Amino acid sequence: MIAPTALIVVVIIVVPIIWNVVLAFQDTSLKTIAEHGVTGSPTLDNVLAVVTAPSFWSSLWTTIIYSVGATAGSVALGLAAALAFRRPFRGRGLVRTFMLLPYVAPVVAVAFVWKVLLNPQYGLLNAWGTSFLGWNAPIDFLGQRPLALMTVIFFDIWRYFPFAFMFFTARILAMPNEIEEAARVDGATPSQAFRHIVFPQLVTTIALLCLLRLIMTFNKFDDVYLLTGGTAGTEIAPVRVYDQLTGNLDIGGAAANALVLAVILAVFLTVYMRFFGRKGQDA
């Protein structure tokens, strides 16, 4: 009964991973495919070139900053939104629906809207800034270091906080209210009730969301590429892999970049899971 699912997993996931590993150790490029086919001479040069390139470590550091900042911001904003909508009020369901729009809207559309709003020549934000906020000159949010990296981080937070909002909302709805009500009867303030009763029940959800969002953001490509193209200090590792493949026509080098990134992410996730696994056992 599991054969169809297993076959799909093998074809869609296992085979591409194995093929990427094979290409990472091949001297292959788009220029040599017509002459020698998709396989080239076995070599370690691709991997060595990746780990010894200063640009790789620079892009990796940028990726870490982007991933950690976007993950922390989206989870924190999602938690704040879920807590704000915890109590019923008129129109809560409609407002919740509108809050999901950044997450469900096409990334091409929302990225284009952000680029128009932040444009230094005709963008609405710069027009308001120079007219009402006292800015001396328009600000190039997407073309100036380190402002561009901060902007794409804020974009990611805005776009993906509804993902965390849905998780937190589902968890909060499943929480029993009797304990919190009893604590308030005993004189606990709202902040004390949240700290000692609500928050401990959300720790596992926060850990899960941080893990999922970190994986998703670490491999994120389209958001940054559509906003800045990897310029102005926003060249994260996935964008560098794409540029190496399409710009340098280097299949083996791009595959080696992807392989090294996968190994680094696997090591990090192993440490992460071991840490939280022990914390769960201790609890």
Protein backbone atom coordinates (compact mmCIF):
# COMPACT_ATOMS: atom_id res chain seq x y z
CA MET A 1 0.00 0.00 0.00
CA ILE A 2 2.89 2.38 0.58
CA ALA A 3 4.53 1.50 -2.74
CA PRO A 4 2.99 4.42 -4.71
CA THR A 5 4.03 6.95 -2.06
CA ALA A 6 7.50 5.41 -1.80
CA LEU A 7 7.88 5.56 -5.58
CA ILE A 8 6.90 9.23 -5.66
CA VAL A 9 9.36 10.04 -2.87
CA VAL A 10 12.16 8.20 -4.66
CA VAL A 11 11.48 9.88 -8.00
CA ILE A 12 10.91 13.41 -6.71
CA ILE A 13 13.34 13.55 -3.76
CA VAL A 14 15.88 10.73 -3.64
CA VAL A 15 16.89 10.67 -7.31
CA PRO A 16 17.46 14.46 -7.58
CA ILE A 17 19.54 14.42 -4.38
CA ILE A 18 21.72 11.57 -5.66
CA TRP A 19 22.06 13.26 -9.04
CA ASN A 20 23.11 16.52 -7.39
CA VAL A 21 25.79 14.66 -5.41
CA VAL A 22 27.06 13.04 -8.62
CA LEU A 23 27.22 16.38 -10.44
CA ALA A 24 29.05 18.00 -7.53
CA PHE A 25 32.01 15.71 -8.21
CA GLN A 26 31.93 16.05 -11.98
CA ASP A 27 33.83 18.45 -14.21
CA THR A 28 30.67 19.45 -16.06
CA SER A 29 29.29 22.72 -17.37
CA LEU A 30 26.57 23.78 -19.76
CA LYS A 31 29.29 24.42 -22.36
CA THR A 32 30.56 20.84 -22.31
CA ILE A 33 27.24 18.98 -22.31
CA ALA A 34 26.94 19.01 -26.10
CA GLU A 35 30.40 17.47 -26.46
CA HIS A 36 30.71 15.11 -23.50
CA GLY A 37 27.16 14.59 -22.24
CA VAL A 38 25.86 15.28 -18.74
CA THR A 39 28.70 13.46 -17.00
CA GLY A 40 32.26 14.67 -16.88
CA SER A 41 35.54 13.67 -15.29
CA PRO A 42 35.38 12.89 -11.53
CA THR A 43 37.00 15.64 -9.51
CA LEU A 44 37.11 17.26 -6.08
CA ASP A 45 37.87 20.68 -7.51
CA ASN A 46 34.27 21.84 -7.29
CA VAL A 47 33.96 21.23 -3.56
CA LEU A 48 37.42 22.62 -2.85
CA ALA A 49 36.62 25.73 -4.86
CA VAL A 50 33.46 26.26 -2.82
CA VAL A 51 34.99 25.91 0.64
CA THR A 52 38.02 28.04 -0.24
CA ALA A 53 36.11 30.87 -1.91
CA PRO A 54 35.70 33.97 0.29
CA SER A 55 32.51 34.83 -1.59
CA PHE A 56 30.92 31.55 -0.44
CA TRP A 57 31.53 32.27 3.23
CA SER A 58 30.34 35.83 2.75
CA SER A 59 27.09 34.61 1.17
CA LEU A 60 26.74 32.00 3.91
CA TRP A 61 27.06 34.65 6.62
CA THR A 62 24.48 36.78 4.81
CA THR A 63 22.20 33.74 4.63
CA ILE A 64 22.54 33.14 8.37
CA ILE A 65 21.71 36.76 9.20
CA TYR A 66 18.77 36.71 6.80
CA SER A 67 17.46 33.35 8.03
CA VAL A 68 17.77 34.06 11.76
CA GLY A 69 16.35 37.57 11.49
CA ALA A 70 13.42 36.58 9.28
CA THR A 71 12.63 33.50 11.36
CA ALA A 72 12.71 35.31 14.70
CA GLY A 73 10.70 38.23 13.36
CA SER A 74 7.99 36.18 11.67
CA VAL A 75 7.54 33.89 14.69
CA ALA A 76 7.41 36.81 17.12
CA LEU A 77 4.96 38.77 14.98
CA GLY A 78 2.82 35.67 14.42
CA LEU A 79 2.66 35.07 18.17
CA ALA A 80 1.74 38.69 18.86
CA ALA A 81 -1.01 38.57 16.24
CA ALA A 82 -2.41 35.30 17.58
CA LEU A 83 -2.54 36.69 21.11
CA ALA A 84 -4.17 39.89 19.88
CA PHE A 85 -6.93 37.89 18.19
CA ARG A 86 -7.37 35.52 21.10
CA ARG A 87 -10.44 37.26 22.50
CA PRO A 88 -13.55 37.29 20.30
CA PHE A 89 -14.77 40.53 18.78
CA ARG A 90 -17.05 41.48 15.92
CA GLY A 91 -15.46 40.81 12.57
CA ARG A 92 -12.59 38.71 13.97
CA GLY A 93 -12.99 36.00 11.34
CA LEU A 94 -12.89 38.52 8.49
CA VAL A 95 -9.81 40.25 9.88
CA ARG A 96 -8.08 36.89 10.32
CA THR A 97 -8.79 36.13 6.68
CA PHE A 98 -7.24 39.40 5.52
CA MET A 99 -4.16 38.72 7.65
CA LEU A 100 -3.45 35.63 5.56
CA LEU A 101 -3.19 37.63 2.33
CA PRO A 102 0.59 38.23 2.50
CA TYR A 103 1.17 34.48 2.74
CA VAL A 104 -1.26 33.33 0.06
CA ALA A 105 -0.64 36.13 -2.46
CA PRO A 106 1.73 35.32 -5.37
CA VAL A 107 5.28 36.25 -4.47
CA VAL A 108 5.83 37.95 -7.84
CA ALA A 109 2.89 40.27 -7.20
CA VAL A 110 3.80 41.25 -3.64
CA ALA A 111 7.48 41.69 -4.52
CA PHE A 112 6.50 44.02 -7.36
CA VAL A 113 4.27 46.02 -5.02
CA TRP A 114 7.10 46.38 -2.51
CA LYS A 115 9.54 47.48 -5.21
CA VAL A 116 7.09 50.14 -6.38
CA LEU A 117 6.40 51.37 -2.84
CA LEU A 118 10.13 51.56 -1.99
CA ASN A 119 11.33 53.03 -5.28
CA PRO A 120 13.49 56.11 -4.57
CA GLN A 121 12.11 58.02 -7.57
CA TYR A 122 8.37 57.46 -7.47
CA GLY A 123 7.77 55.21 -4.45
CA LEU A 124 4.97 56.10 -2.05
CA LEU A 125 7.10 55.59 1.06
CA ASN A 126 9.77 58.02 -0.10
CA ALA A 127 7.12 60.52 -1.13
CA TRP A 128 5.65 60.43 2.36
CA GLY A 129 9.10 60.51 3.94
CA THR A 130 10.25 63.60 2.10
CA SER A 131 6.89 65.36 2.43
CA PHE A 132 5.83 64.56 6.00
CA LEU A 133 8.70 62.88 7.85
CA GLY A 134 11.44 65.38 7.14
CA TRP A 135 13.71 63.20 5.01
CA ASN A 136 16.30 65.29 3.20
CA ALA A 137 16.41 62.94 0.21
CA PRO A 138 14.76 59.72 -0.98
CA ILE A 139 16.19 56.49 0.42
CA ASP A 140 17.17 53.59 -1.83
CA PHE A 141 15.86 50.80 0.39
CA LEU A 142 16.74 48.01 -2.07
CA GLY A 143 20.04 49.30 -3.40
CA GLN A 144 21.96 50.51 -0.37
CA ARG A 145 24.03 48.47 2.09
CA PRO A 146 23.06 47.33 4.73
CA LEU A 147 19.56 48.75 4.31
CA ALA A 148 18.78 46.34 1.47
CA LEU A 149 19.37 43.29 3.66
CA MET A 150 17.20 44.75 6.41
CA THR A 151 14.48 45.45 3.86
CA VAL A 152 14.38 41.89 2.52
CA ILE A 153 14.31 40.61 6.12
CA PHE A 154 11.31 42.83 6.87
CA PHE A 155 9.67 41.65 3.66
CA ASP A 156 10.11 38.04 4.71
CA ILE A 157 8.73 38.78 8.18
CA TRP A 158 5.68 40.49 6.69
CA ARG A 159 5.11 37.76 4.12
CA TYR A 160 5.44 34.73 6.40
CA PHE A 161 4.17 35.82 9.80
CA PRO A 162 0.67 34.48 8.83
CA PHE A 163 2.27 31.02 8.68
CA ALA A 164 3.22 31.31 12.36
CA PHE A 165 -0.09 33.03 13.11
CA MET A 166 -2.04 29.98 11.92
CA PHE A 167 0.05 27.60 14.05
CA PHE A 168 -0.27 29.73 17.17
CA THR A 169 -3.99 30.29 16.65
CA ALA A 170 -4.64 26.56 16.40
CA ARG A 171 -2.56 25.88 19.53
CA ILE A 172 -4.21 28.66 21.53
CA LEU A 173 -7.69 27.44 20.61
CA ALA A 174 -6.75 23.99 21.92
CA MET A 175 -5.53 25.32 25.27
CA PRO A 176 -7.87 24.88 28.26
CA ASN A 177 -9.01 28.18 29.75
CA GLU A 178 -9.76 26.85 33.23
CA ILE A 179 -6.19 27.08 34.51
CA GLU A 180 -5.71 30.66 33.35
CA GLU A 181 -9.08 31.70 34.77
CA ALA A 182 -8.22 30.10 38.10
CA ALA A 183 -4.91 31.97 38.17
CA ARG A 184 -6.66 35.27 37.57
CA VAL A 185 -9.11 34.51 40.35
CA ASP A 186 -6.11 33.95 42.64
CA GLY A 187 -4.81 37.41 41.76
CA ALA A 188 -2.42 36.75 38.86
CA THR A 189 -1.94 39.66 36.49
CA PRO A 190 -2.36 39.13 32.72
CA SER A 191 1.41 39.25 32.24
CA GLN A 192 1.95 36.68 35.00
CA ALA A 193 -0.73 34.41 33.54
CA PHE A 194 0.89 34.61 30.12
CA ARG A 195 4.40 34.01 31.46
CA HIS A 196 3.61 31.08 33.74
CA ILE A 197 0.60 29.45 32.06
CA VAL A 198 0.19 30.40 28.41
CA PHE A 199 3.79 30.68 27.27
CA PRO A 200 4.96 27.27 28.62
CA GLN A 201 2.22 25.64 26.55
CA LEU A 202 3.48 27.40 23.42
CA VAL A 203 7.17 26.47 23.76
CA THR A 204 6.93 23.32 21.64
CA THR A 205 5.00 25.20 18.96
CA ILE A 206 7.61 27.97 18.96
CA ALA A 207 10.41 25.41 18.63
CA LEU A 208 8.66 23.67 15.75
CA LEU A 209 7.96 26.95 13.96
CA CYS A 210 11.55 28.11 14.38
CA LEU A 211 12.78 24.85 12.88
CA LEU A 212 10.38 24.94 9.92
CA ARG A 213 10.87 28.61 9.17
CA LEU A 214 14.65 28.34 9.47
CA ILE A 215 14.73 25.52 6.92
CA MET A 216 12.39 27.39 4.60
CA THR A 217 14.26 30.68 4.89
CA PHE A 218 17.71 29.12 4.57
CA ASN A 219 16.65 27.71 1.19
CA LYS A 220 14.65 30.78 0.15
CA PHE A 221 15.47 32.10 -3.31
CA ASP A 222 12.55 33.87 -4.96
CA ASP A 223 11.92 36.61 -2.40
CA VAL A 224 15.46 38.00 -2.39
CA TYR A 225 15.99 37.49 -6.11
CA LEU A 226 12.78 39.31 -7.04
CA LEU A 227 13.49 42.23 -4.72
CA THR A 228 17.22 42.85 -5.22
CA GLY A 229 18.62 40.13 -7.46
CA GLY A 230 21.24 39.48 -4.79
CA THR A 231 22.81 42.94 -5.07
CA ALA A 232 23.65 45.47 -2.33
CA GLY A 233 24.84 42.84 0.14
CA THR A 234 21.83 40.54 -0.20
CA GLU A 235 23.51 37.66 -2.05
CA ILE A 236 22.29 34.74 0.01
CA ALA A 237 23.57 31.25 -0.74
CA PRO A 238 20.63 30.07 -2.94
CA VAL A 239 21.00 33.18 -5.11
CA ARG A 240 24.73 32.49 -5.41
CA VAL A 241 23.98 28.94 -6.57
CA TYR A 242 21.59 30.28 -9.20
CA ASP A 243 24.09 32.89 -10.41
CA GLN A 244 26.83 30.28 -10.66
CA LEU A 245 24.59 28.02 -12.71
CA THR A 246 23.09 30.61 -15.05
CA GLY A 247 25.88 33.20 -15.07
CA ASN A 248 28.95 30.95 -15.17
CA LEU A 249 27.16 27.98 -16.77
CA ASP A 250 28.92 25.83 -14.16
CA ILE A 251 26.75 22.82 -13.34
CA GLY A 252 29.35 21.08 -11.19
CA GLY A 253 30.16 24.22 -9.21
CA ALA A 254 26.50 25.00 -8.56
CA ALA A 255 25.85 21.41 -7.48
CA ALA A 256 28.87 21.56 -5.16
CA ASN A 257 27.56 24.80 -3.63
CA ALA A 258 24.19 23.18 -3.02
CA LEU A 259 25.82 20.08 -1.54
CA VAL A 260 27.98 22.05 0.90
CA LEU A 261 24.97 24.10 1.98
CA ALA A 262 22.93 20.94 2.52
CA VAL A 263 25.69 19.47 4.71
CA ILE A 264 25.94 22.66 6.78
CA LEU A 265 22.18 22.78 7.24
CA ALA A 266 22.06 19.08 8.15
CA VAL A 267 24.74 19.58 10.84
CA PHE A 268 22.88 22.55 12.26
CA LEU A 269 19.56 20.72 12.32
CA THR A 270 21.14 17.70 14.00
CA VAL A 271 22.50 19.88 16.80
CA TYR A 272 19.17 21.71 17.02
CA MET A 273 17.13 18.52 17.30
CA ARG A 274 19.49 16.97 19.83
CA PHE A 275 19.31 20.10 22.00
CA PHE A 276 15.54 20.35 21.94
CA GLY A 277 15.18 16.59 22.26
CA ARG A 278 17.14 16.68 25.50
CA LYS A 279 15.18 19.70 26.70
CA GLY A 280 11.96 17.80 26.06
CA GLN A 281 13.21 14.75 27.94
CA ASP A 282 14.36 16.88 30.87
CA ALA A 283 10.95 18.54 30.98
